[in-house]
Amino acid sequence: MPKFLVAIHHRDDFDAMAVHDPEQDRAIDELNDEMVAAGVRIFVGGLHKYTAAKSVTADADGHVTVSDGPYMKGDEHVAGFWVLEAHSMDEALEWGRKATIACRAPVEVRPFH
């Protein structure tokens, strides 16, 4: 069965620790329970703030550089994600719709190869 990434995005200035919302926590817990009951959830994880990231790159000679911060520059970054097993993109998008409501944040749904 195809697998999909459902990624939650937050603006860089979002502070999850300062914006604790018990209602939102409950909505996310209920969504996780629903995913487990439906047998679609393979993995779920929340990420530390983008500033905790390290980027690893290699040049043409194979020299590796590690630098502080995310590889992609922008004003939004992935804050957490689910890996789901769904029958189709349409089914994965239904979970994405539920995720964007529960998390109150934009969601990207992308299939794995």
PDB file of N, CA and C in Angstrom:
ATOM      1  N   MET A   1       0.852  -1.175   0.000  1.00  0.00           N
ATOM      2  CA  MET A   1       0.000   0.000   0.000  1.00  0.00           C
ATOM      3  C   MET A   1       0.902   1.244   0.000  1.00  0.00           C
ATOM      4  N   PRO A   2       0.529   2.282  -0.737  1.00  0.00           N
ATOM      5  CA  PRO A   2       1.344   3.498  -0.795  1.00  0.00           C
ATOM      6  C   PRO A   2       1.473   4.180   0.563  1.00  0.00           C
ATOM      7  N   LYS A   3       2.618   4.810   0.746  1.00  0.00           N
ATOM      8  CA  LYS A   3       2.895   5.560   1.978  1.00  0.00           C
ATOM      9  C   LYS A   3       2.972   7.047   1.653  1.00  0.00           C
ATOM     10  N   PHE A   4       2.562   7.863   2.605  1.00  0.00           N
ATOM     11  CA  PHE A   4       2.495   9.314   2.411  1.00  0.00           C
ATOM     12  C   PHE A   4       3.074  10.029   3.623  1.00  0.00           C
ATOM     13  N   LEU A   5       3.721  11.147   3.358  1.00  0.00           N
ATOM     14  CA  LEU A   5       4.170  12.062   4.392  1.00  0.00           C
ATOM     15  C   LEU A   5       3.114  13.143   4.540  1.00  0.00           C
ATOM     16  N   VAL A   6       2.666  13.378   5.750  1.00  0.00           N
ATOM     17  CA  VAL A   6       1.759  14.486   6.056  1.00  0.00           C
ATOM     18  C   VAL A   6       2.546  15.391   7.002  1.00  0.00           C
ATOM     19  N   ALA A   7       3.044  16.518   6.471  1.00  0.00           N
ATOM     20  CA  ALA A   7       3.942  17.391   7.222  1.00  0.00           C
ATOM     21  C   ALA A   7       3.232  18.668   7.649  1.00  0.00           C
ATOM     22  N   ILE A   8       3.401  19.016   8.913  1.00  0.00           N
ATOM     23  CA  ILE A   8       2.836  20.241   9.482  1.00  0.00           C
ATOM     24  C   ILE A   8       3.889  21.334   9.395  1.00  0.00           C
ATOM     25  N   HIS A   9       3.491  22.511   8.942  1.00  0.00           N
ATOM     26  CA  HIS A   9       4.425  23.637   8.824  1.00  0.00           C
ATOM     27  C   HIS A   9       4.034  24.748   9.794  1.00  0.00           C
ATOM     28  N   HIS A  10       5.051  25.332  10.441  1.00  0.00           N
ATOM     29  CA  HIS A  10       4.849  26.493  11.308  1.00  0.00           C
ATOM     30  C   HIS A  10       5.746  27.621  10.839  1.00  0.00           C
ATOM     31  N   ARG A  11       5.272  28.831  11.049  1.00  0.00           N
ATOM     32  CA  ARG A  11       6.111  29.993  10.786  1.00  0.00           C
ATOM     33  C   ARG A  11       7.279  29.972  11.767  1.00  0.00           C
ATOM     34  N   ASP A  12       8.372  30.564  11.371  1.00  0.00           N
ATOM     35  CA  ASP A  12       9.571  30.546  12.203  1.00  0.00           C
ATOM     36  C   ASP A  12       9.359  31.201  13.567  1.00  0.00           C
ATOM     37  N   ASP A  13       8.460  32.169  13.642  1.00  0.00           N
ATOM     38  CA  ASP A  13       8.249  32.849  14.921  1.00  0.00           C
ATOM     39  C   ASP A  13       7.242  32.132  15.824  1.00  0.00           C
ATOM     40  N   PHE A  14       6.738  30.977  15.398  1.00  0.00           N
ATOM     41  CA  PHE A  14       5.796  30.204  16.215  1.00  0.00           C
ATOM     42  C   PHE A  14       6.549  29.563  17.378  1.00  0.00           C
ATOM     43  N   ASP A  15       6.008  29.682  18.568  1.00  0.00           N
ATOM     44  CA  ASP A  15       6.606  29.099  19.760  1.00  0.00           C
ATOM     45  C   ASP A  15       5.588  28.167  20.399  1.00  0.00           C
ATOM     46  N   ALA A  16       5.727  26.893  20.132  1.00  0.00           N
ATOM     47  CA  ALA A  16       4.767  25.898  20.626  1.00  0.00           C
ATOM     48  C   ALA A  16       4.690  25.884  22.148  1.00  0.00           C
ATOM     49  N   MET A  17       5.786  26.179  22.806  1.00  0.00           N
ATOM     50  CA  MET A  17       5.794  26.164  24.270  1.00  0.00           C
ATOM     51  C   MET A  17       5.013  27.349  24.840  1.00  0.00           C
ATOM     52  N   ALA A  18       4.997  28.461  24.139  1.00  0.00           N
ATOM     53  CA  ALA A  18       4.300  29.657  24.622  1.00  0.00           C
ATOM     54  C   ALA A  18       2.821  29.639  24.254  1.00  0.00           C
ATOM     55  N   VAL A  19       2.450  28.810  23.284  1.00  0.00           N
ATOM     56  CA  VAL A  19       1.076  28.800  22.776  1.00  0.00           C
ATOM     57  C   VAL A  19       0.403  27.473  23.140  1.00  0.00           C
ATOM     58  N   HIS A  20       0.542  27.060  24.381  1.00  0.00           N
ATOM     59  CA  HIS A  20      -0.059  25.794  24.803  1.00  0.00           C
ATOM     60  C   HIS A  20      -1.576  25.936  24.804  1.00  0.00           C
ATOM     61  N   ASP A  21      -2.238  25.077  24.038  1.00  0.00           N
ATOM     62  CA  ASP A  21      -3.690  25.117  23.898  1.00  0.00           C
ATOM     63  C   ASP A  21      -4.235  23.713  24.155  1.00  0.00           C
ATOM     64  N   PRO A  22      -4.829  23.473  25.325  1.00  0.00           N
ATOM     65  CA  PRO A  22      -5.335  22.134  25.654  1.00  0.00           C
ATOM     66  C   PRO A  22      -6.367  21.620  24.650  1.00  0.00           C
ATOM     67  N   GLU A  23      -7.176  22.507  24.088  1.00  0.00           N
ATOM     68  CA  GLU A  23      -8.167  22.083  23.092  1.00  0.00           C
ATOM     69  C   GLU A  23      -7.470  21.559  21.836  1.00  0.00           C
ATOM     70  N   GLN A  24      -6.422  22.237  21.415  1.00  0.00           N
ATOM     71  CA  GLN A  24      -5.662  21.789  20.248  1.00  0.00           C
ATOM     72  C   GLN A  24      -4.958  20.464  20.556  1.00  0.00           C
ATOM     73  N   ASP A  25      -4.380  20.349  21.734  1.00  0.00           N
ATOM     74  CA  ASP A  25      -3.742  19.087  22.131  1.00  0.00           C
ATOM     75  C   ASP A  25      -4.739  17.936  22.050  1.00  0.00           C
ATOM     76  N   ARG A  26      -5.956  18.179  22.541  1.00  0.00           N
ATOM     77  CA  ARG A  26      -6.992  17.142  22.507  1.00  0.00           C
ATOM     78  C   ARG A  26      -7.358  16.771  21.068  1.00  0.00           C
ATOM     79  N   ALA A  27      -7.473  17.778  20.202  1.00  0.00           N
ATOM     80  CA  ALA A  27      -7.808  17.528  18.797  1.00  0.00           C
ATOM     81  C   ALA A  27      -6.732  16.690  18.119  1.00  0.00           C
ATOM     82  N   ILE A  28      -5.472  16.977  18.411  1.00  0.00           N
ATOM     83  CA  ILE A  28      -4.376  16.213  17.815  1.00  0.00           C
ATOM     84  C   ILE A  28      -4.359  14.787  18.374  1.00  0.00           C
ATOM     85  N   ASP A  29      -4.580  14.638  19.677  1.00  0.00           N
ATOM     86  CA  ASP A  29      -4.657  13.297  20.272  1.00  0.00           C
ATOM     87  C   ASP A  29      -5.786  12.489  19.649  1.00  0.00           C
ATOM     88  N   GLU A  30      -6.944  13.122  19.455  1.00  0.00           N
ATOM     89  CA  GLU A  30      -8.081  12.428  18.851  1.00  0.00           C
ATOM     90  C   GLU A  30      -7.774  12.023  17.410  1.00  0.00           C
ATOM     91  N   LEU A  31      -7.094  12.894  16.671  1.00  0.00           N
ATOM     92  CA  LEU A  31      -6.712  12.551  15.303  1.00  0.00           C
ATOM     93  C   LEU A  31      -5.755  11.366  15.303  1.00  0.00           C
ATOM     94  N   ASN A  32      -4.771  11.378  16.207  1.00  0.00           N
ATOM     95  CA  ASN A  32      -3.848  10.248  16.300  1.00  0.00           C
ATOM     96  C   ASN A  32      -4.588   8.956  16.623  1.00  0.00           C
ATOM     97  N   ASP A  33      -5.531   9.019  17.552  1.00  0.00           N
ATOM     98  CA  ASP A  33      -6.325   7.837  17.898  1.00  0.00           C
ATOM     99  C   ASP A  33      -7.120   7.348  16.687  1.00  0.00           C
ATOM    100  N   GLU A  34      -7.686   8.280  15.940  1.00  0.00           N
ATOM    101  CA  GLU A  34      -8.462   7.910  14.750  1.00  0.00           C
ATOM    102  C   GLU A  34      -7.565   7.255  13.695  1.00  0.00           C
ATOM    103  N   MET A  35      -6.368   7.788  13.512  1.00  0.00           N
ATOM    104  CA  MET A  35      -5.427   7.204  12.544  1.00  0.00           C
ATOM    105  C   MET A  35      -5.033   5.785  12.946  1.00  0.00           C
ATOM    106  N   VAL A  36      -4.765   5.592  14.246  1.00  0.00           N
ATOM    107  CA  VAL A  36      -4.406   4.264  14.736  1.00  0.00           C
ATOM    108  C   VAL A  36      -5.578   3.301  14.535  1.00  0.00           C
ATOM    109  N   ALA A  37      -6.782   3.728  14.889  1.00  0.00           N
ATOM    110  CA  ALA A  37      -7.970   2.874  14.746  1.00  0.00           C
ATOM    111  C   ALA A  37      -8.207   2.496  13.287  1.00  0.00           C
ATOM    112  N   ALA A  38      -7.897   3.415  12.362  1.00  0.00           N
ATOM    113  CA  ALA A  38      -8.083   3.152  10.934  1.00  0.00           C
ATOM    114  C   ALA A  38      -6.937   2.323  10.352  1.00  0.00           C
ATOM    115  N   GLY A  39      -5.870   2.152  11.128  1.00  0.00           N
ATOM    116  CA  GLY A  39      -4.744   1.348  10.670  1.00  0.00           C
ATOM    117  C   GLY A  39      -3.868   2.036   9.637  1.00  0.00           C
ATOM    118  N   VAL A  40      -3.892   3.381   9.588  1.00  0.00           N
ATOM    119  CA  VAL A  40      -3.108   4.098   8.579  1.00  0.00           C
ATOM    120  C   VAL A  40      -1.804   4.673   9.121  1.00  0.00           C
ATOM    121  N   ARG A  41      -1.709   4.886  10.420  1.00  0.00           N
ATOM    122  CA  ARG A  41      -0.540   5.562  10.991  1.00  0.00           C
ATOM    123  C   ARG A  41       0.620   4.598  11.171  1.00  0.00           C
ATOM    124  N   ILE A  42       1.742   4.944  10.542  1.00  0.00           N
ATOM    125  CA  ILE A  42       2.973   4.172  10.692  1.00  0.00           C
ATOM    126  C   ILE A  42       3.881   4.832  11.722  1.00  0.00           C
ATOM    127  N   PHE A  43       3.982   6.163  11.652  1.00  0.00           N
ATOM    128  CA  PHE A  43       4.869   6.904  12.541  1.00  0.00           C
ATOM    129  C   PHE A  43       4.363   8.324  12.646  1.00  0.00           C
ATOM    130  N   VAL A  44       4.572   8.932  13.812  1.00  0.00           N
ATOM    131  CA  VAL A  44       4.258  10.340  14.021  1.00  0.00           C
ATOM    132  C   VAL A  44       5.361  10.939  14.864  1.00  0.00           C
ATOM    133  N   GLY A  45       5.715  12.188  14.585  1.00  0.00           N
ATOM    134  CA  GLY A  45       6.744  12.840  15.381  1.00  0.00           C
ATOM    135  C   GLY A  45       6.665  14.349  15.291  1.00  0.00           C
ATOM    136  N   GLY A  46       6.855  14.995  16.416  1.00  0.00           N
ATOM    137  CA  GLY A  46       6.987  16.441  16.455  1.00  0.00           C
ATOM    138  C   GLY A  46       8.464  16.789  16.476  1.00  0.00           C
ATOM    139  N   LEU A  47       8.818  17.906  15.898  1.00  0.00           N
ATOM    140  CA  LEU A  47      10.213  18.316  15.808  1.00  0.00           C
ATOM    141  C   LEU A  47      10.500  19.521  16.685  1.00  0.00           C
ATOM    142  N   HIS A  48      11.726  19.603  17.165  1.00  0.00           N
ATOM    143  CA  HIS A  48      12.164  20.808  17.860  1.00  0.00           C
ATOM    144  C   HIS A  48      12.145  21.968  16.874  1.00  0.00           C
ATOM    145  N   LYS A  49      12.210  23.165  17.389  1.00  0.00           N
ATOM    146  CA  LYS A  49      12.212  24.368  16.562  1.00  0.00           C
ATOM    147  C   LYS A  49      13.317  24.280  15.504  1.00  0.00           C
ATOM    148  N   TYR A  50      13.080  24.889  14.363  1.00  0.00           N
ATOM    149  CA  TYR A  50      13.995  24.817  13.219  1.00  0.00           C
ATOM    150  C   TYR A  50      15.416  25.250  13.575  1.00  0.00           C
ATOM    151  N   THR A  51      15.573  26.087  14.593  1.00  0.00           N
ATOM    152  CA  THR A  51      16.906  26.552  14.978  1.00  0.00           C
ATOM    153  C   THR A  51      17.754  25.426  15.572  1.00  0.00           C
ATOM    154  N   ALA A  52      17.138  24.306  15.956  1.00  0.00           N
ATOM    155  CA  ALA A  52      17.882  23.169  16.492  1.00  0.00           C
ATOM    156  C   ALA A  52      18.463  22.297  15.382  1.00  0.00           C
ATOM    157  N   ALA A  53      18.116  22.587  14.134  1.00  0.00           N
ATOM    158  CA  ALA A  53      18.576  21.772  13.010  1.00  0.00           C
ATOM    159  C   ALA A  53      20.065  21.975  12.733  1.00  0.00           C
ATOM    160  N   LYS A  54      20.658  20.965  12.164  1.00  0.00           N
ATOM    161  CA  LYS A  54      22.021  21.013  11.623  1.00  0.00           C
ATOM    162  C   LYS A  54      21.909  20.601  10.158  1.00  0.00           C
ATOM    163  N   SER A  55      22.612  21.296   9.295  1.00  0.00           N
ATOM    164  CA  SER A  55      22.625  20.975   7.869  1.00  0.00           C
ATOM    165  C   SER A  55      23.956  20.327   7.513  1.00  0.00           C
ATOM    166  N   VAL A  56      23.881  19.261   6.749  1.00  0.00           N
ATOM    167  CA  VAL A  56      25.074  18.537   6.329  1.00  0.00           C
ATOM    168  C   VAL A  56      25.114  18.555   4.806  1.00  0.00           C
ATOM    169  N   THR A  57      26.199  19.089   4.255  1.00  0.00           N
ATOM    170  CA  THR A  57      26.351  19.166   2.795  1.00  0.00           C
ATOM    171  C   THR A  57      27.733  18.652   2.401  1.00  0.00           C
ATOM    172  N   ALA A  58      27.842  18.198   1.162  1.00  0.00           N
ATOM    173  CA  ALA A  58      29.121  17.737   0.627  1.00  0.00           C
ATOM    174  C   ALA A  58      29.400  18.477  -0.669  1.00  0.00           C
ATOM    175  N   ASP A  59      30.664  18.868  -0.865  1.00  0.00           N
ATOM    176  CA  ASP A  59      31.029  19.519  -2.122  1.00  0.00           C
ATOM    177  C   ASP A  59      31.432  18.450  -3.146  1.00  0.00           C
ATOM    178  N   ALA A  60      31.821  18.869  -4.323  1.00  0.00           N
ATOM    179  CA  ALA A  60      32.151  17.950  -5.412  1.00  0.00           C
ATOM    180  C   ALA A  60      33.322  17.033  -5.058  1.00  0.00           C
ATOM    181  N   ASP A  61      34.195  17.471  -4.160  1.00  0.00           N
ATOM    182  CA  ASP A  61      35.352  16.663  -3.752  1.00  0.00           C
ATOM    183  C   ASP A  61      35.029  15.732  -2.593  1.00  0.00           C
ATOM    184  N   GLY A  62      33.794  15.766  -2.114  1.00  0.00           N
ATOM    185  CA  GLY A  62      33.389  14.897  -1.018  1.00  0.00           C
ATOM    186  C   GLY A  62      33.677  15.453   0.363  1.00  0.00           C
ATOM    187  N   HIS A  63      34.075  16.707   0.450  1.00  0.00           N
ATOM    188  CA  HIS A  63      34.295  17.334   1.757  1.00  0.00           C
ATOM    189  C   HIS A  63      32.941  17.688   2.362  1.00  0.00           C
ATOM    190  N   VAL A  64      32.735  17.236   3.569  1.00  0.00           N
ATOM    191  CA  VAL A  64      31.447  17.424   4.235  1.00  0.00           C
ATOM    192  C   VAL A  64      31.528  18.611   5.199  1.00  0.00           C
ATOM    193  N   THR A  65      30.479  19.428   5.154  1.00  0.00           N
ATOM    194  CA  THR A  65      30.373  20.576   6.045  1.00  0.00           C
ATOM    195  C   THR A  65      29.096  20.461   6.852  1.00  0.00           C
ATOM    196  N   VAL A  66      29.209  20.696   8.156  1.00  0.00           N
ATOM    197  CA  VAL A  66      28.042  20.731   9.028  1.00  0.00           C
ATOM    198  C   VAL A  66      27.867  22.175   9.473  1.00  0.00           C
ATOM    199  N   SER A  67      26.644  22.685   9.315  1.00  0.00           N
ATOM    200  CA  SER A  67      26.386  24.065   9.725  1.00  0.00           C
ATOM    201  C   SER A  67      25.120  24.122  10.567  1.00  0.00           C
ATOM    202  N   ASP A  68      25.012  25.175  11.372  1.00  0.00           N
ATOM    203  CA  ASP A  68      23.838  25.364  12.218  1.00  0.00           C
ATOM    204  C   ASP A  68      22.663  25.849  11.393  1.00  0.00           C
ATOM    205  N   GLY A  69      21.493  25.364  11.736  1.00  0.00           N
ATOM    206  CA  GLY A  69      20.267  25.831  11.104  1.00  0.00           C
ATOM    207  C   GLY A  69      19.783  24.913   9.995  1.00  0.00           C
ATOM    208  N   PRO A  70      18.580  25.181   9.509  1.00  0.00           N
ATOM    209  CA  PRO A  70      17.988  24.337   8.475  1.00  0.00           C
ATOM    210  C   PRO A  70      18.683  24.532   7.130  1.00  0.00           C
ATOM    211  N   TYR A  71      18.617  23.521   6.297  1.00  0.00           N
ATOM    212  CA  TYR A  71      19.185  23.608   4.953  1.00  0.00           C
ATOM    213  C   TYR A  71      18.384  24.585   4.099  1.00  0.00           C
ATOM    214  N   MET A  72      17.064  24.451   4.145  1.00  0.00           N
ATOM    215  CA  MET A  72      16.186  25.324   3.353  1.00  0.00           C
ATOM    216  C   MET A  72      15.961  26.632   4.094  1.00  0.00           C
ATOM    217  N   LYS A  73      16.200  27.724   3.421  1.00  0.00           N
ATOM    218  CA  LYS A  73      15.956  29.041   4.005  1.00  0.00           C
ATOM    219  C   LYS A  73      14.510  29.438   3.695  1.00  0.00           C
ATOM    220  N   GLY A  74      13.869  30.072   4.623  1.00  0.00           N
ATOM    221  CA  GLY A  74      12.488  30.486   4.443  1.00  0.00           C
ATOM    222  C   GLY A  74      11.920  30.964   5.757  1.00  0.00           C
ATOM    223  N   ASP A  75      10.630  31.303   5.751  1.00  0.00           N
ATOM    224  CA  ASP A  75      10.018  31.775   6.988  1.00  0.00           C
ATOM    225  C   ASP A  75       9.075  30.742   7.591  1.00  0.00           C
ATOM    226  N   GLU A  76       9.033  29.528   7.008  1.00  0.00           N
ATOM    227  CA  GLU A  76       8.264  28.414   7.558  1.00  0.00           C
ATOM    228  C   GLU A  76       9.099  27.147   7.453  1.00  0.00           C
ATOM    229  N   HIS A  77       8.921  26.258   8.418  1.00  0.00           N
ATOM    230  CA  HIS A  77       9.634  24.982   8.400  1.00  0.00           C
ATOM    231  C   HIS A  77       8.730  23.877   8.933  1.00  0.00           C
ATOM    232  N   VAL A  78       9.111  22.643   8.652  1.00  0.00           N
ATOM    233  CA  VAL A  78       8.353  21.490   9.130  1.00  0.00           C
ATOM    234  C   VAL A  78       8.456  21.434  10.651  1.00  0.00           C
ATOM    235  N   ALA A  79       7.299  21.320  11.297  1.00  0.00           N
ATOM    236  CA  ALA A  79       7.237  21.277  12.759  1.00  0.00           C
ATOM    237  C   ALA A  79       6.948  19.871  13.276  1.00  0.00           C
ATOM    238  N   GLY A  80       6.400  19.044  12.424  1.00  0.00           N
ATOM    239  CA  GLY A  80       6.065  17.676  12.800  1.00  0.00           C
ATOM    240  C   GLY A  80       5.485  16.967  11.595  1.00  0.00           C
ATOM    241  N   PHE A  81       5.291  15.656  11.725  1.00  0.00           N
ATOM    242  CA  PHE A  81       4.797  14.909  10.562  1.00  0.00           C
ATOM    243  C   PHE A  81       4.232  13.562  10.975  1.00  0.00           C
ATOM    244  N   TRP A  82       3.460  13.016  10.065  1.00  0.00           N
ATOM    245  CA  TRP A  82       2.984  11.647  10.144  1.00  0.00           C
ATOM    246  C   TRP A  82       3.482  10.920   8.904  1.00  0.00           C
ATOM    247  N   VAL A  83       3.743   9.648   9.041  1.00  0.00           N
ATOM    248  CA  VAL A  83       3.914   8.762   7.893  1.00  0.00           C
ATOM    249  C   VAL A  83       2.696   7.853   7.926  1.00  0.00           C
ATOM    250  N   LEU A  84       1.926   7.907   6.847  1.00  0.00           N
ATOM    251  CA  LEU A  84       0.676   7.146   6.761  1.00  0.00           C
ATOM    252  C   LEU A  84       0.740   6.140   5.632  1.00  0.00           C
ATOM    253  N   GLU A  85      -0.022   5.088   5.771  1.00  0.00           N
ATOM    254  CA  GLU A  85      -0.212   4.114   4.708  1.00  0.00           C
ATOM    255  C   GLU A  85      -1.672   4.244   4.281  1.00  0.00           C
ATOM    256  N   ALA A  86      -1.874   4.698   3.049  1.00  0.00           N
ATOM    257  CA  ALA A  86      -3.232   4.942   2.553  1.00  0.00           C
ATOM    258  C   ALA A  86      -3.380   4.327   1.166  1.00  0.00           C
ATOM    259  N   HIS A  87      -4.605   4.099   0.755  1.00  0.00           N
ATOM    260  CA  HIS A  87      -4.867   3.482  -0.544  1.00  0.00           C
ATOM    261  C   HIS A  87      -4.569   4.421  -1.707  1.00  0.00           C
ATOM    262  N   SER A  88      -4.684   5.748  -1.471  1.00  0.00           N
ATOM    263  CA  SER A  88      -4.555   6.696  -2.573  1.00  0.00           C
ATOM    264  C   SER A  88      -4.201   8.081  -2.028  1.00  0.00           C
ATOM    265  N   MET A  89      -3.821   8.959  -2.943  1.00  0.00           N
ATOM    266  CA  MET A  89      -3.579  10.357  -2.572  1.00  0.00           C
ATOM    267  C   MET A  89      -4.853  10.970  -2.017  1.00  0.00           C
ATOM    268  N   ASP A  90      -5.989  10.640  -2.593  1.00  0.00           N
ATOM    269  CA  ASP A  90      -7.250  11.192  -2.093  1.00  0.00           C
ATOM    270  C   ASP A  90      -7.480  10.822  -0.625  1.00  0.00           C
ATOM    271  N   GLU A  91      -7.199   9.571  -0.277  1.00  0.00           N
ATOM    272  CA  GLU A  91      -7.361   9.156   1.118  1.00  0.00           C
ATOM    273  C   GLU A  91      -6.358   9.896   2.009  1.00  0.00           C
ATOM    274  N   ALA A  92      -5.109  10.008   1.549  1.00  0.00           N
ATOM    275  CA  ALA A  92      -4.092  10.735   2.320  1.00  0.00           C
ATOM    276  C   ALA A  92      -4.496  12.193   2.505  1.00  0.00           C
ATOM    277  N   LEU A  93      -5.093  12.792   1.478  1.00  0.00           N
ATOM    278  CA  LEU A  93      -5.549  14.182   1.580  1.00  0.00           C
ATOM    279  C   LEU A  93      -6.664  14.346   2.599  1.00  0.00           C
ATOM    280  N   GLU A  94      -7.507  13.332   2.738  1.00  0.00           N
ATOM    281  CA  GLU A  94      -8.548  13.396   3.772  1.00  0.00           C
ATOM    282  C   GLU A  94      -7.906  13.486   5.152  1.00  0.00           C
ATOM    283  N   TRP A  95      -6.842  12.713   5.375  1.00  0.00           N
ATOM    284  CA  TRP A  95      -6.126  12.805   6.643  1.00  0.00           C
ATOM    285  C   TRP A  95      -5.435  14.153   6.759  1.00  0.00           C
ATOM    286  N   GLY A  96      -4.906  14.658   5.651  1.00  0.00           N
ATOM    287  CA  GLY A  96      -4.288  15.979   5.658  1.00  0.00           C
ATOM    288  C   GLY A  96      -5.273  17.070   6.027  1.00  0.00           C
ATOM    289  N   ARG A  97      -6.498  16.955   5.537  1.00  0.00           N
ATOM    290  CA  ARG A  97      -7.543  17.932   5.884  1.00  0.00           C
ATOM    291  C   ARG A  97      -7.807  17.916   7.393  1.00  0.00           C
ATOM    292  N   LYS A  98      -7.891  16.718   7.942  1.00  0.00           N
ATOM    293  CA  LYS A  98      -8.115  16.598   9.388  1.00  0.00           C
ATOM    294  C   LYS A  98      -6.922  17.136  10.169  1.00  0.00           C
ATOM    295  N   ALA A  99      -5.715  16.900   9.652  1.00  0.00           N
ATOM    296  CA  ALA A  99      -4.502  17.359  10.337  1.00  0.00           C
ATOM    297  C   ALA A  99      -4.412  18.875  10.352  1.00  0.00           C
ATOM    298  N   THR A 100      -4.754  19.534   9.246  1.00  0.00           N
ATOM    299  CA  THR A 100      -4.655  20.994   9.207  1.00  0.00           C
ATOM    300  C   THR A 100      -5.660  21.632  10.160  1.00  0.00           C
ATOM    301  N   ILE A 101      -6.807  20.987  10.349  1.00  0.00           N
ATOM    302  CA  ILE A 101      -7.802  21.494  11.297  1.00  0.00           C
ATOM    303  C   ILE A 101      -7.326  21.272  12.734  1.00  0.00           C
ATOM    304  N   ALA A 102      -6.872  20.050  13.031  1.00  0.00           N
ATOM    305  CA  ALA A 102      -6.432  19.739  14.398  1.00  0.00           C
ATOM    306  C   ALA A 102      -5.216  20.568  14.805  1.00  0.00           C
ATOM    307  N   CYS A 103      -4.266  20.715  13.890  1.00  0.00           N
ATOM    308  CA  CYS A 103      -3.011  21.419  14.208  1.00  0.00           C
ATOM    309  C   CYS A 103      -3.098  22.922  14.001  1.00  0.00           C
ATOM    310  N   ARG A 104      -4.143  23.364  13.305  1.00  0.00           N
ATOM    311  CA  ARG A 104      -4.314  24.793  13.020  1.00  0.00           C
ATOM    312  C   ARG A 104      -3.083  25.360  12.328  1.00  0.00           C
ATOM    313  N   ALA A 105      -2.605  24.604  11.339  1.00  0.00           N
ATOM    314  CA  ALA A 105      -1.402  24.994  10.609  1.00  0.00           C
ATOM    315  C   ALA A 105      -1.461  24.372   9.205  1.00  0.00           C
ATOM    316  N   PRO A 106      -0.720  24.946   8.266  1.00  0.00           N
ATOM    317  CA  PRO A 106      -0.680  24.366   6.919  1.00  0.00           C
ATOM    318  C   PRO A 106      -0.075  22.953   6.935  1.00  0.00           C
ATOM    319  N   VAL A 107      -0.554  22.132   6.024  1.00  0.00           N
ATOM    320  CA  VAL A 107      -0.103  20.749   5.908  1.00  0.00           C
ATOM    321  C   VAL A 107       0.295  20.464   4.475  1.00  0.00           C
ATOM    322  N   GLU A 108       1.358  19.714   4.315  1.00  0.00           N
ATOM    323  CA  GLU A 108       1.780  19.226   2.998  1.00  0.00           C
ATOM    324  C   GLU A 108       1.621  17.711   2.989  1.00  0.00           C
ATOM    325  N   VAL A 109       0.995  17.183   1.943  1.00  0.00           N
ATOM    326  CA  VAL A 109       0.841  15.734   1.780  1.00  0.00           C
ATOM    327  C   VAL A 109       1.650  15.338   0.558  1.00  0.00           C
ATOM    328  N   ARG A 110       2.561  14.384   0.753  1.00  0.00           N
ATOM    329  CA  ARG A 110       3.448  13.990  -0.347  1.00  0.00           C
ATOM    330  C   ARG A 110       3.647  12.479  -0.323  1.00  0.00           C
ATOM    331  N   PRO A 111       3.537  11.820  -1.500  1.00  0.00           N
ATOM    332  CA  PRO A 111       3.746  10.374  -1.540  1.00  0.00           C
ATOM    333  C   PRO A 111       5.228  10.013  -1.487  1.00  0.00           C
ATOM    334  N   PHE A 112       5.512   8.853  -0.914  1.00  0.00           N
ATOM    335  CA  PHE A 112       6.856   8.277  -0.981  1.00  0.00           C
ATOM    336  C   PHE A 112       6.999   7.548  -2.314  1.00  0.00           C
ATOM    337  N   HIS A 113       8.240   7.362  -2.757  1.00  0.00           N
ATOM    338  CA  HIS A 113       8.499   6.556  -3.955  1.00  0.00           C
ATOM    339  C   HIS A 113       8.154   5.127  -3.669  1.00  0.00           C
TER     340      HIS A 113
END
